[in-house]
Amino acid sequence: MKREELALAYEEKYLLSEIEQTKCALASAYSNFENVVDPDLIDCYIYEVNAAQKRYKYLLEKAKQTNLIVKEFQITP
């Protein structure tokens, strides 16, 4: 393999790894949001869900630019 191909393969693996981590973070934030009653924690998890959604959207867009195929994460709150 050429050096460029190795770098691209590493970048793709890293991007897929980041997407998987973000999926987990988003699922965790939704779960935590559904299980809290304290108003401060509700606000905290709203911000956490929004941040994870924005990161996930960004990473999917990045994957699209590099022509990676990613199975999208569907959550029904």
Protein backbone atom coordinates (compact mmCIF):
# COMPACT_ATOMS: atom_id res chain seq x y z
CA MET A 1 0.00 0.00 0.00
CA LYS A 2 1.09 3.49 -0.71
CA ARG A 3 1.56 6.00 2.06
CA GLU A 4 -1.46 8.05 0.85
CA GLU A 5 -3.70 4.96 0.90
CA LEU A 6 -2.56 4.10 4.42
CA ALA A 7 -3.25 7.63 5.60
CA LEU A 8 -6.70 7.56 4.02
CA ALA A 9 -7.49 4.17 5.54
CA TYR A 10 -6.43 5.45 8.97
CA GLU A 11 -8.53 8.59 8.54
CA GLU A 12 -11.57 6.54 7.55
CA LYS A 13 -11.17 4.21 10.53
CA TYR A 14 -10.76 7.17 12.86
CA LEU A 15 -13.87 8.86 11.46
CA LEU A 16 -15.92 5.66 11.81
CA SER A 17 -14.66 5.29 15.37
CA GLU A 18 -15.67 8.86 16.20
CA ILE A 19 -19.12 8.27 14.72
CA GLU A 20 -19.59 5.15 16.85
CA GLN A 21 -18.49 7.00 19.99
CA THR A 22 -20.88 9.83 19.22
CA LYS A 23 -23.74 7.37 18.70
CA CYS A 24 -23.07 5.97 22.17
CA ALA A 25 -22.85 9.44 23.70
CA LEU A 26 -26.14 10.41 22.08
CA ALA A 27 -27.89 7.28 23.30
CA SER A 28 -26.52 7.88 26.79
CA ALA A 29 -27.63 11.52 26.80
CA TYR A 30 -31.16 10.52 25.73
CA SER A 31 -31.30 7.83 28.39
CA ASN A 32 -30.08 10.19 31.11
CA PHE A 33 -32.52 12.89 30.00
CA GLU A 34 -35.44 10.46 30.24
CA ASN A 35 -34.49 9.43 33.77
CA VAL A 36 -33.87 12.71 35.60
CA VAL A 37 -36.30 14.90 37.50
CA ASP A 38 -34.06 17.70 38.79
CA PRO A 39 -34.52 20.84 36.63
CA ASP A 40 -30.78 21.56 36.56
CA LEU A 41 -30.02 18.06 35.33
CA ILE A 42 -32.78 18.28 32.74
CA ASP A 43 -31.12 21.41 31.34
CA CYS A 44 -27.75 19.68 31.45
CA TYR A 45 -28.96 16.71 29.41
CA ILE A 46 -30.78 18.93 26.93
CA TYR A 47 -27.45 20.62 26.21
CA GLU A 48 -25.71 17.25 26.09
CA VAL A 49 -28.25 15.86 23.59
CA ASN A 50 -27.97 18.97 21.41
CA ALA A 51 -24.17 18.85 21.45
CA ALA A 52 -24.10 15.15 20.56
CA GLN A 53 -26.63 15.70 17.74
CA LYS A 54 -24.55 18.51 16.26
CA ARG A 55 -21.36 16.46 16.49
CA TYR A 56 -23.07 13.47 14.89
CA LYS A 57 -24.41 15.62 12.05
CA TYR A 58 -20.93 17.10 11.49
CA LEU A 59 -19.28 13.65 11.42
CA LEU A 60 -21.87 12.27 9.00
CA GLU A 61 -21.28 15.22 6.71
CA LYS A 62 -17.53 14.60 6.90
CA ALA A 63 -18.09 10.92 6.07
CA LYS A 64 -20.28 11.91 3.12
CA GLN A 65 -17.51 14.16 1.79
CA THR A 66 -15.07 11.24 1.86
CA ASN A 67 -17.64 8.85 0.34
CA LEU A 68 -17.76 6.64 3.42
CA ILE A 69 -20.86 4.54 3.92
CA VAL A 70 -22.20 4.85 7.45
CA LYS A 71 -25.31 3.22 8.87
CA GLU A 72 -27.21 6.13 10.38
CA PHE A 73 -28.36 6.09 13.96
CA GLN A 74 -32.11 6.41 14.49
CA ILE A 75 -33.48 7.38 17.87
CA THR A 76 -37.16 7.77 18.54
CA PRO A 77 -37.50 9.83 21.72
